Protein backbone atom coordinates (compact mmCIF):
# COMPACT_ATOMS: atom_id res chain seq x y z
CA MET A 1 -16.65 53.65 -82.06
CA LYS A 2 -18.84 50.90 -80.64
CA SER A 3 -16.71 48.24 -82.35
CA PHE A 4 -13.57 49.81 -80.89
CA SER A 5 -14.99 49.59 -77.35
CA ILE A 6 -15.86 45.92 -77.85
CA LEU A 7 -12.37 45.13 -79.11
CA LEU A 8 -10.77 47.05 -76.21
CA GLY A 9 -12.85 45.12 -73.63
CA ALA A 10 -11.95 41.82 -75.22
CA ALA A 11 -8.25 42.71 -75.11
CA VAL A 12 -8.42 43.64 -71.41
CA SER A 13 -10.20 40.34 -70.61
CA LEU A 14 -7.56 38.31 -72.46
CA LEU A 15 -4.72 40.08 -70.65
CA SER A 16 -6.39 39.47 -67.24
CA ALA A 17 -6.90 35.77 -67.98
CA ALA A 18 -3.27 35.41 -69.02
CA ALA A 19 -2.05 37.06 -65.80
CA LEU A 20 -4.26 34.81 -63.64
CA ALA A 21 -3.06 31.70 -65.42
CA ALA A 22 0.54 32.70 -64.77
CA ASP A 23 -0.12 33.01 -60.98
CA PRO A 24 1.37 29.90 -59.18
CA ASN A 25 -1.36 30.09 -56.50
CA TYR A 26 -4.06 29.75 -59.10
CA TYR A 27 -6.01 26.55 -58.28
CA GLU A 28 -5.46 24.86 -61.65
CA ASN A 29 -1.70 25.54 -61.44
CA ARG A 30 -1.28 23.81 -58.03
CA ASP A 31 0.45 20.45 -57.87
CA PRO A 32 -2.05 17.64 -57.37
CA VAL A 33 -2.16 16.03 -53.87
CA PRO A 34 -0.26 12.74 -54.05
CA PRO A 35 -2.37 9.68 -53.22
CA ALA A 36 -1.91 8.12 -49.78
CA ASP A 37 0.58 5.26 -49.62
CA PRO A 38 -1.24 2.27 -48.10
CA TYR A 39 2.12 0.74 -47.11
CA ALA A 40 3.56 3.82 -45.42
CA ALA A 41 4.27 3.55 -41.68
CA PRO A 42 1.80 5.50 -39.52
CA ALA A 43 3.00 8.72 -37.93
CA PRO A 44 4.32 8.15 -34.40
CA ALA A 45 1.91 9.02 -31.59
CA PRO A 46 2.90 11.89 -29.30
CA ALA A 47 4.92 10.77 -26.30
CA ALA A 48 2.84 10.29 -23.15
CA HIS A 49 4.03 11.28 -19.71
CA PRO A 50 5.03 8.16 -17.73
CA ASP A 51 2.71 7.18 -14.89
CA PRO A 52 4.81 6.63 -11.72
CA MET A 53 2.10 4.30 -10.40
CA ALA A 54 1.68 2.24 -13.57
CA ASP A 55 3.41 -0.75 -11.98
CA LEU A 56 0.88 -0.64 -9.12
CA ASN A 57 -2.26 0.03 -11.16
CA GLN A 58 -1.37 -2.86 -13.48
CA PRO A 59 0.88 -5.11 -11.42
CA ASP A 60 3.48 -7.15 -13.28
CA LYS A 61 2.84 -10.78 -12.41
CA LYS A 62 6.56 -11.47 -12.60
CA TYR A 63 7.00 -9.50 -9.36
CA VAL A 64 4.86 -10.53 -6.41
CA GLY A 65 6.12 -7.65 -4.26
CA ILE A 66 7.98 -7.96 -0.94
CA ASP A 67 7.44 -5.38 1.77
CA VAL A 68 9.73 -4.89 4.79
CA GLU A 69 8.26 -2.74 7.59
CA ALA A 70 9.02 -1.66 11.14
CA GLY A 71 6.92 0.30 13.60
CA GLY A 72 5.01 0.26 16.83
CA GLY A 73 1.79 1.09 18.56
CA VAL A 74 -0.34 0.70 21.64
CA GLY A 75 -2.43 -2.17 22.91
CA GLY A 76 -3.52 -4.09 25.96
CA PHE A 77 -5.26 -7.10 27.38
CA ILE A 78 -8.99 -7.69 26.94
CA ASP A 79 -9.75 -9.66 30.14
CA ARG A 80 -10.86 -7.28 32.92
CA ASN A 81 -9.13 -9.43 35.53
CA ILE A 82 -5.76 -8.36 34.11
CA THR A 83 -6.54 -4.97 32.57
CA SER A 84 -7.38 -3.70 36.05
CA VAL A 85 -3.82 -4.39 37.26
CA THR A 86 -1.80 -3.53 34.13
CA THR A 87 -1.11 -0.40 32.09
CA ALA A 88 -1.49 -0.13 28.32
CA GLN A 89 1.14 -1.92 26.28
CA GLY A 90 3.83 -0.14 24.34
CA GLN A 91 4.45 -2.29 21.26
CA TRP A 92 7.11 -2.67 18.58
CA THR A 93 7.22 -4.92 15.53
CA GLY A 94 9.16 -5.89 12.43
CA ARG A 95 7.19 -7.41 9.58
CA MET A 96 7.67 -8.85 6.08
CA VAL A 97 4.82 -9.13 3.58
CA PHE A 98 5.11 -11.46 0.60
CA GLY A 99 2.72 -10.68 -2.28
CA THR A 100 1.96 -6.96 -1.99
CA ARG A 101 1.16 -6.78 -5.73
CA SER A 102 -1.43 -9.55 -5.67
CA HIS A 103 -4.70 -10.09 -3.85
CA PHE A 104 -3.36 -13.01 -1.82
CA ALA A 105 -0.30 -12.52 0.36
CA GLY A 106 1.45 -13.83 3.43
CA GLU A 107 3.10 -12.19 6.44
CA ALA A 108 5.81 -13.09 8.93
CA ALA A 109 6.50 -10.86 11.93
CA TYR A 110 8.33 -10.38 15.18
CA VAL A 111 6.18 -8.72 17.88
CA GLY A 112 7.18 -7.23 21.21
CA SER A 113 5.45 -5.42 24.08
CA ALA A 114 6.05 -4.00 27.54
CA GLN A 115 3.74 -2.76 30.31
CA LYS A 116 3.63 -2.21 34.06
CA VAL A 117 1.91 -4.62 36.47
CA ASN A 118 0.69 -3.76 39.96
CA THR A 119 -1.08 -6.51 41.85
CA VAL A 120 -0.85 -8.54 45.04
CA GLY A 121 2.07 -10.98 44.99
CA ILE A 122 4.32 -8.98 42.60
CA SER A 123 6.84 -6.30 43.53
CA PRO A 124 5.51 -2.78 42.72
CA ASN A 125 5.81 -1.47 39.17
CA ALA A 126 7.07 -4.74 37.77
CA THR A 127 7.42 -4.81 33.98
CA LEU A 128 5.71 -7.51 31.93
CA VAL A 129 7.58 -8.02 28.67
CA GLY A 130 6.26 -10.01 25.72
CA ASN A 131 8.21 -11.33 22.74
CA GLY A 132 6.82 -13.50 19.99
CA ALA A 133 6.32 -14.32 16.33
CA GLU A 134 3.37 -14.42 13.97
CA ALA A 135 2.54 -15.82 10.53
CA ALA A 136 -0.63 -14.74 8.75
CA PHE A 137 -2.59 -15.00 5.52
CA ARG A 138 -3.40 -11.60 4.03
CA LEU A 139 -6.19 -10.65 1.63
CA ASN A 140 -5.43 -7.42 -0.28
CA VAL A 141 -8.75 -5.95 -1.41
CA LEU A 142 -6.93 -3.61 -3.84
CA THR A 143 -3.41 -3.78 -5.28
CA GLY A 144 -2.86 -0.11 -6.20
CA MET A 145 -1.54 2.88 -4.27
CA TRP A 146 -4.22 2.48 -1.57
CA GLN A 147 -4.42 -1.09 -0.31
CA PRO A 148 -7.08 -2.06 2.25
CA TYR A 149 -6.56 -5.57 3.59
CA ALA A 150 -7.53 -8.16 6.18
CA ILE A 151 -5.33 -10.72 7.95
CA ALA A 152 -5.79 -13.96 9.89
CA GLY A 153 -3.05 -16.17 11.27
CA ILE A 154 -1.35 -17.90 14.15
CA GLY A 155 1.39 -16.85 16.54
CA TRP A 156 3.22 -17.42 19.80
CA THR A 157 4.13 -15.02 22.62
CA HIS A 158 6.40 -15.49 25.61
CA TYR A 159 5.65 -13.24 28.59
CA SER A 160 8.15 -12.61 31.37
CA LEU A 161 8.16 -10.59 34.60
CA GLY A 162 11.95 -10.50 34.59
CA ASN A 163 13.51 -10.02 38.00
CA ALA A 164 10.26 -9.06 39.75
CA THR A 165 9.85 -10.46 43.27
CA LEU A 166 6.92 -12.89 43.53
CA THR A 167 5.24 -13.66 46.87
CA THR A 168 2.26 -15.73 45.71
CA SER A 169 1.72 -18.93 43.79
CA ASP A 170 -1.04 -17.26 41.76
CA VAL A 171 1.64 -15.58 39.62
CA GLN A 172 4.42 -17.20 37.61
CA SER A 173 7.58 -15.43 36.46
CA SER A 174 6.92 -16.34 32.82
CA GLY A 175 4.36 -17.97 30.56
CA ASP A 176 3.69 -18.84 26.93
CA VAL A 177 0.51 -18.52 24.88
CA ALA A 178 -0.56 -19.36 21.37
CA THR A 179 -2.23 -16.43 19.61
CA PHE A 180 -4.57 -16.14 16.63
CA PRO A 181 -4.21 -12.63 15.12
CA LEU A 182 -7.21 -11.16 13.28
CA GLY A 183 -7.15 -7.65 11.87
CA VAL A 184 -7.85 -5.08 9.19
CA GLY A 185 -5.59 -2.37 7.88
CA MET A 186 -4.77 0.12 5.17
CA ALA A 187 -1.45 0.49 3.33
CA TRP A 188 -0.35 3.43 1.21
CA ARG A 189 2.33 2.62 -1.38
CA TYR A 190 4.25 5.01 -3.64
CA SER A 191 7.49 4.47 -5.58
CA GLY A 192 8.66 1.73 -3.21
CA PHE A 193 7.76 3.57 0.02
CA VAL A 194 5.03 2.10 2.25
CA LEU A 195 2.98 3.43 5.18
CA ASP A 196 0.71 0.98 6.99
CA GLY A 197 -1.90 1.27 9.74
CA ARG A 198 -3.67 -1.68 11.38
CA PHE A 199 -6.17 -2.55 14.10
CA SER A 200 -6.18 -6.15 15.30
CA PHE A 201 -7.20 -8.63 17.98
CA HIS A 202 -5.09 -11.54 19.25
CA PRO A 203 -7.22 -14.23 20.91
CA ALA A 204 -4.91 -16.35 23.06
CA THR A 205 -4.84 -19.70 24.80
CA LYS A 206 -4.73 -19.99 28.60
CA SER A 207 -1.54 -19.32 30.54
CA GLY A 208 -0.44 -19.81 34.13
CA LEU A 209 1.29 -16.43 34.19
CA ILE A 210 -1.50 -14.94 36.33
CA ARG A 211 -4.12 -17.39 37.55
CA GLU A 212 -7.65 -17.12 36.17
CA THR A 213 -6.80 -14.57 33.49
CA ASN A 214 -6.95 -14.65 29.72
CA LEU A 215 -4.05 -13.02 27.86
CA SER A 216 -5.92 -12.13 24.65
CA THR A 217 -4.93 -8.66 23.44
CA TRP A 218 -5.85 -5.85 21.06
CA ASP A 219 -3.55 -3.38 19.33
CA LEU A 220 -3.40 -0.34 17.05
CA GLN A 221 -0.16 -0.05 15.11
CA ALA A 222 1.52 2.12 12.48
CA LYS A 223 4.50 1.02 10.38
CA ALA A 224 6.72 2.34 7.60
CA GLY A 225 8.89 0.45 5.18
CA PHE A 226 9.97 -0.29 1.63
CA GLU A 227 8.65 -2.51 -1.13
CA PHE A 228 10.83 -4.47 -3.55
């Protein structure tokens, strides 16, 4: 009886081993992992979302960047002898910037202004109109989306009182001055669109427009434009 039990247990063990060996998921029946091919091309990396500001964060040196802007602002004279008899200036400007994608750039601009004048020797509420041009060197501190900058240059402005009636030799109907613009500003650039704000001074040479006055000015301007 004892021998029969031993034989029966051995038979059951053999049948179990045979069934396990026939199982395809049994470890020793699995196909071996093929060795890595050292010459196989690497799997492609997952596609990254394009950065719309990549051309600004890493400027392409093939494109210096040209910015065309238009806008306006307010300003006025600095000399008290003339600020006491004039209103604030309304200003308008058109400007081109060459080199918006580099730290060193240049500017060329048309500048205009208009304001009222009330003083002895000029018909009441006469309008003083200024038209001129400027060229400036520009230092862009940053070249990305936000672009703080500083400018320094030279310009010319022609002032005219138009058809105002003059009754004193202390005032001339028109006059010209050389200007030396100095300023700081901040530009915001995105996908070719540009917003720009600037505060600047314009020291000027003497003029005979109004005797014993200096026509240096200040201004605060905002502009919008496009970059190419």
